[in-house]
Amino acid sequence: MPEVQQPVTDDSIRVRQVNHYQFSWVAGDPGKPGTYTLQLVLDQGAWEEVLTLDPDDADNLQDLFIQGGPVYYDIGRRTLMFGTKGL
């Protein structure tokens, strides 16, 4: 059995499953564009992340989430992974 570095903590887990997500839009100053955000709830609330998005990214990500299937988030690389499959 491989040795696992101890202690294993919430901060040592780098890839987590997305359980819930919420897109939001925050108005900008008058005459300025607003800002889209995406809040991710990971591993049943063990970790949360908020990403700032441009409108095109928000639209594309929403399409990917709608397709269903598990989604994972790499905290260190700030990367969403869609369509992952186990062997």
N, C-alpha and C. Protein backbone atom coordinates (compact mmCIF):
# COMPACT_ATOMS: atom_id res chain seq x y z
N MET A 1 0.85 -1.17 0.00
CA MET A 1 0.00 0.00 0.00
C MET A 1 0.91 1.24 0.00
N PRO A 2 0.60 2.24 -0.87
CA PRO A 2 1.43 3.44 -0.91
C PRO A 2 1.26 4.26 0.36
N GLU A 3 2.33 4.93 0.72
CA GLU A 3 2.26 5.82 1.89
C GLU A 3 1.56 7.11 1.52
N VAL A 4 0.71 7.59 2.40
CA VAL A 4 0.01 8.85 2.20
C VAL A 4 0.61 9.86 3.16
N GLN A 5 1.04 10.99 2.59
CA GLN A 5 1.62 12.02 3.44
C GLN A 5 0.58 12.49 4.44
N GLN A 6 0.95 12.57 5.69
CA GLN A 6 0.03 12.95 6.75
C GLN A 6 0.37 14.34 7.24
N PRO A 7 -0.52 15.06 7.75
CA PRO A 7 -1.95 14.76 7.77
C PRO A 7 -2.61 15.15 6.45
N VAL A 8 -3.65 14.44 6.09
CA VAL A 8 -4.49 14.82 4.95
C VAL A 8 -5.49 15.84 5.48
N THR A 9 -5.46 17.04 4.90
CA THR A 9 -6.36 18.12 5.35
C THR A 9 -7.18 18.61 4.17
N ASP A 10 -8.17 19.45 4.45
CA ASP A 10 -8.96 20.05 3.38
C ASP A 10 -8.07 20.81 2.40
N ASP A 11 -7.03 21.45 2.89
CA ASP A 11 -6.15 22.22 2.02
C ASP A 11 -5.25 21.34 1.16
N SER A 12 -5.06 20.08 1.54
CA SER A 12 -4.18 19.21 0.75
C SER A 12 -4.92 18.52 -0.40
N ILE A 13 -6.24 18.58 -0.42
CA ILE A 13 -7.03 17.99 -1.50
C ILE A 13 -7.12 19.02 -2.61
N ARG A 14 -6.57 18.70 -3.77
CA ARG A 14 -6.45 19.68 -4.85
C ARG A 14 -7.55 19.61 -5.90
N VAL A 15 -8.16 18.45 -6.11
CA VAL A 15 -9.23 18.31 -7.10
C VAL A 15 -10.50 17.90 -6.38
N ARG A 16 -11.56 18.67 -6.61
CA ARG A 16 -12.82 18.44 -5.90
C ARG A 16 -13.98 18.40 -6.89
N GLN A 17 -15.04 17.71 -6.51
CA GLN A 17 -16.22 17.62 -7.37
C GLN A 17 -17.12 18.82 -7.14
N VAL A 18 -17.64 19.36 -8.24
CA VAL A 18 -18.59 20.47 -8.18
C VAL A 18 -19.97 19.88 -7.87
N ASN A 19 -20.57 20.30 -6.76
CA ASN A 19 -21.89 19.82 -6.39
C ASN A 19 -22.99 20.82 -6.72
N HIS A 20 -22.67 22.10 -6.64
CA HIS A 20 -23.64 23.16 -6.93
C HIS A 20 -22.88 24.32 -7.56
N TYR A 21 -23.59 25.08 -8.39
CA TYR A 21 -22.99 26.28 -8.97
C TYR A 21 -24.06 27.35 -9.11
N GLN A 22 -23.61 28.61 -9.14
CA GLN A 22 -24.54 29.71 -9.30
C GLN A 22 -23.86 30.82 -10.08
N PHE A 23 -24.47 31.20 -11.20
CA PHE A 23 -24.00 32.35 -11.96
C PHE A 23 -24.65 33.61 -11.40
N SER A 24 -23.89 34.68 -11.36
CA SER A 24 -24.43 35.97 -10.91
C SER A 24 -23.90 37.06 -11.83
N TRP A 25 -24.59 38.17 -11.84
CA TRP A 25 -24.16 39.34 -12.59
C TRP A 25 -24.24 40.53 -11.66
N VAL A 26 -23.15 41.31 -11.62
CA VAL A 26 -23.08 42.49 -10.77
C VAL A 26 -22.99 43.71 -11.69
N ALA A 27 -23.88 44.67 -11.47
CA ALA A 27 -23.89 45.87 -12.31
C ALA A 27 -22.60 46.66 -12.13
N GLY A 28 -22.13 47.25 -13.22
CA GLY A 28 -20.97 48.13 -13.16
C GLY A 28 -21.41 49.56 -12.91
N ASP A 29 -20.45 50.46 -12.89
CA ASP A 29 -20.76 51.87 -12.78
C ASP A 29 -21.61 52.30 -13.98
N PRO A 30 -22.34 53.41 -13.87
CA PRO A 30 -23.17 53.86 -14.99
C PRO A 30 -22.34 53.96 -16.28
N GLY A 31 -22.85 53.33 -17.34
CA GLY A 31 -22.16 53.35 -18.62
C GLY A 31 -21.05 52.33 -18.76
N LYS A 32 -20.79 51.57 -17.71
CA LYS A 32 -19.73 50.55 -17.74
C LYS A 32 -20.38 49.17 -17.73
N PRO A 33 -19.69 48.17 -18.32
CA PRO A 33 -20.27 46.82 -18.31
C PRO A 33 -20.27 46.21 -16.91
N GLY A 34 -21.17 45.27 -16.72
CA GLY A 34 -21.23 44.55 -15.46
C GLY A 34 -20.22 43.41 -15.44
N THR A 35 -20.22 42.67 -14.34
CA THR A 35 -19.29 41.57 -14.15
C THR A 35 -20.07 40.30 -13.84
N TYR A 36 -19.74 39.22 -14.53
CA TYR A 36 -20.31 37.91 -14.25
C TYR A 36 -19.41 37.17 -13.27
N THR A 37 -20.04 36.47 -12.33
CA THR A 37 -19.29 35.60 -11.42
C THR A 37 -19.93 34.21 -11.44
N LEU A 38 -19.12 33.22 -11.10
CA LEU A 38 -19.58 31.84 -10.98
C LEU A 38 -19.11 31.34 -9.64
N GLN A 39 -20.06 31.03 -8.75
CA GLN A 39 -19.75 30.47 -7.44
C GLN A 39 -19.86 28.96 -7.54
N LEU A 40 -18.80 28.27 -7.12
CA LEU A 40 -18.76 26.82 -7.12
C LEU A 40 -18.79 26.30 -5.69
N VAL A 41 -19.67 25.35 -5.41
CA VAL A 41 -19.68 24.65 -4.13
C VAL A 41 -19.10 23.27 -4.41
N LEU A 42 -18.00 22.94 -3.73
CA LEU A 42 -17.23 21.74 -4.02
C LEU A 42 -17.29 20.77 -2.86
N ASP A 43 -17.37 19.48 -3.19
CA ASP A 43 -17.38 18.41 -2.18
C ASP A 43 -18.35 18.70 -1.05
N GLN A 44 -19.61 18.94 -1.44
CA GLN A 44 -20.71 19.16 -0.48
C GLN A 44 -20.42 20.29 0.50
N GLY A 45 -19.75 21.34 0.03
CA GLY A 45 -19.51 22.50 0.88
C GLY A 45 -18.17 22.51 1.58
N ALA A 46 -17.33 21.51 1.35
CA ALA A 46 -16.02 21.49 1.99
C ALA A 46 -15.13 22.63 1.48
N TRP A 47 -15.44 23.13 0.27
CA TRP A 47 -14.65 24.21 -0.32
C TRP A 47 -15.56 25.00 -1.22
N GLU A 48 -15.34 26.30 -1.32
CA GLU A 48 -16.08 27.15 -2.24
C GLU A 48 -15.10 28.01 -3.02
N GLU A 49 -15.47 28.34 -4.22
CA GLU A 49 -14.63 29.16 -5.08
C GLU A 49 -15.53 30.09 -5.86
N VAL A 50 -15.08 31.33 -6.08
CA VAL A 50 -15.82 32.29 -6.90
C VAL A 50 -14.90 32.74 -8.03
N LEU A 51 -15.39 32.57 -9.26
CA LEU A 51 -14.62 32.94 -10.45
C LEU A 51 -15.26 34.15 -11.10
N THR A 52 -14.45 35.08 -11.61
CA THR A 52 -14.92 36.23 -12.36
C THR A 52 -14.82 35.88 -13.84
N LEU A 53 -15.91 36.13 -14.58
CA LEU A 53 -15.99 35.69 -15.98
C LEU A 53 -16.37 36.83 -16.90
N ASP A 54 -15.95 36.72 -18.17
CA ASP A 54 -16.49 37.64 -19.16
C ASP A 54 -17.77 37.02 -19.71
N PRO A 55 -18.59 37.78 -20.42
CA PRO A 55 -19.89 37.26 -20.86
C PRO A 55 -19.79 35.99 -21.72
N ASP A 56 -18.82 35.92 -22.62
CA ASP A 56 -18.68 34.74 -23.47
C ASP A 56 -18.33 33.50 -22.66
N ASP A 57 -17.41 33.63 -21.70
CA ASP A 57 -17.05 32.49 -20.85
C ASP A 57 -18.25 32.03 -20.03
N ALA A 58 -19.02 32.99 -19.49
CA ALA A 58 -20.20 32.63 -18.69
C ALA A 58 -21.19 31.84 -19.54
N ASP A 59 -21.42 32.27 -20.77
CA ASP A 59 -22.35 31.58 -21.66
C ASP A 59 -21.84 30.17 -21.99
N ASN A 60 -20.57 30.05 -22.33
CA ASN A 60 -20.01 28.74 -22.67
C ASN A 60 -20.01 27.79 -21.48
N LEU A 61 -19.65 28.29 -20.30
CA LEU A 61 -19.64 27.42 -19.13
C LEU A 61 -21.05 26.96 -18.76
N GLN A 62 -22.01 27.86 -18.90
CA GLN A 62 -23.39 27.47 -18.60
C GLN A 62 -23.82 26.33 -19.53
N ASP A 63 -23.46 26.40 -20.80
CA ASP A 63 -23.78 25.32 -21.74
C ASP A 63 -23.13 24.01 -21.31
N LEU A 64 -21.88 24.06 -20.86
CA LEU A 64 -21.18 22.84 -20.43
C LEU A 64 -21.84 22.24 -19.18
N PHE A 65 -22.23 23.08 -18.23
CA PHE A 65 -22.90 22.57 -17.03
C PHE A 65 -24.23 21.91 -17.36
N ILE A 66 -24.97 22.48 -18.31
CA ILE A 66 -26.28 21.94 -18.68
C ILE A 66 -26.16 20.54 -19.27
N GLN A 67 -25.05 20.24 -19.92
CA GLN A 67 -24.86 18.92 -20.53
C GLN A 67 -24.88 17.80 -19.50
N GLY A 68 -24.66 18.11 -18.25
CA GLY A 68 -24.73 17.11 -17.19
C GLY A 68 -23.43 16.32 -17.06
N GLY A 69 -23.47 15.36 -16.16
CA GLY A 69 -22.28 14.57 -15.88
C GLY A 69 -21.44 15.21 -14.79
N PRO A 70 -20.51 14.46 -14.24
CA PRO A 70 -19.70 15.02 -13.16
C PRO A 70 -18.76 16.11 -13.67
N VAL A 71 -18.57 17.11 -12.84
CA VAL A 71 -17.64 18.21 -13.13
C VAL A 71 -16.70 18.30 -11.94
N TYR A 72 -15.41 18.46 -12.23
CA TYR A 72 -14.39 18.57 -11.18
C TYR A 72 -13.66 19.88 -11.34
N TYR A 73 -13.12 20.37 -10.23
CA TYR A 73 -12.40 21.64 -10.22
C TYR A 73 -11.04 21.43 -9.56
N ASP A 74 -9.98 21.78 -10.30
CA ASP A 74 -8.62 21.74 -9.77
C ASP A 74 -8.34 23.09 -9.13
N ILE A 75 -8.23 23.10 -7.81
CA ILE A 75 -8.10 24.35 -7.07
C ILE A 75 -6.82 25.08 -7.42
N GLY A 76 -5.70 24.37 -7.46
CA GLY A 76 -4.41 25.01 -7.71
C GLY A 76 -4.30 25.61 -9.10
N ARG A 77 -4.84 24.91 -10.09
CA ARG A 77 -4.76 25.39 -11.48
C ARG A 77 -5.97 26.21 -11.88
N ARG A 78 -6.99 26.29 -11.00
CA ARG A 78 -8.23 27.01 -11.28
C ARG A 78 -8.83 26.54 -12.60
N THR A 79 -8.99 25.21 -12.71
CA THR A 79 -9.43 24.58 -13.94
C THR A 79 -10.67 23.74 -13.70
N LEU A 80 -11.72 23.97 -14.49
CA LEU A 80 -12.91 23.13 -14.48
C LEU A 80 -12.71 22.00 -15.48
N MET A 81 -13.09 20.78 -15.08
CA MET A 81 -12.94 19.61 -15.94
C MET A 81 -14.31 18.98 -16.14
N PHE A 82 -14.74 18.91 -17.39
CA PHE A 82 -16.05 18.39 -17.77
C PHE A 82 -15.87 17.05 -18.47
N GLY A 83 -16.88 16.16 -18.29
CA GLY A 83 -16.89 14.91 -19.03
C GLY A 83 -15.82 13.94 -18.59
N THR A 84 -15.38 14.01 -17.34
CA THR A 84 -14.36 13.07 -16.87
C THR A 84 -15.00 11.70 -16.66
N LYS A 85 -14.24 10.67 -16.93
CA LYS A 85 -14.73 9.30 -16.79
C LYS A 85 -13.75 8.48 -15.97
N GLY A 86 -14.27 7.63 -15.12
CA GLY A 86 -13.44 6.68 -14.37
C GLY A 86 -13.26 5.41 -15.17
N LEU A 87 -12.25 4.68 -14.84
CA LEU A 87 -12.01 3.41 -15.55
C LEU A 87 -12.57 2.25 -14.77
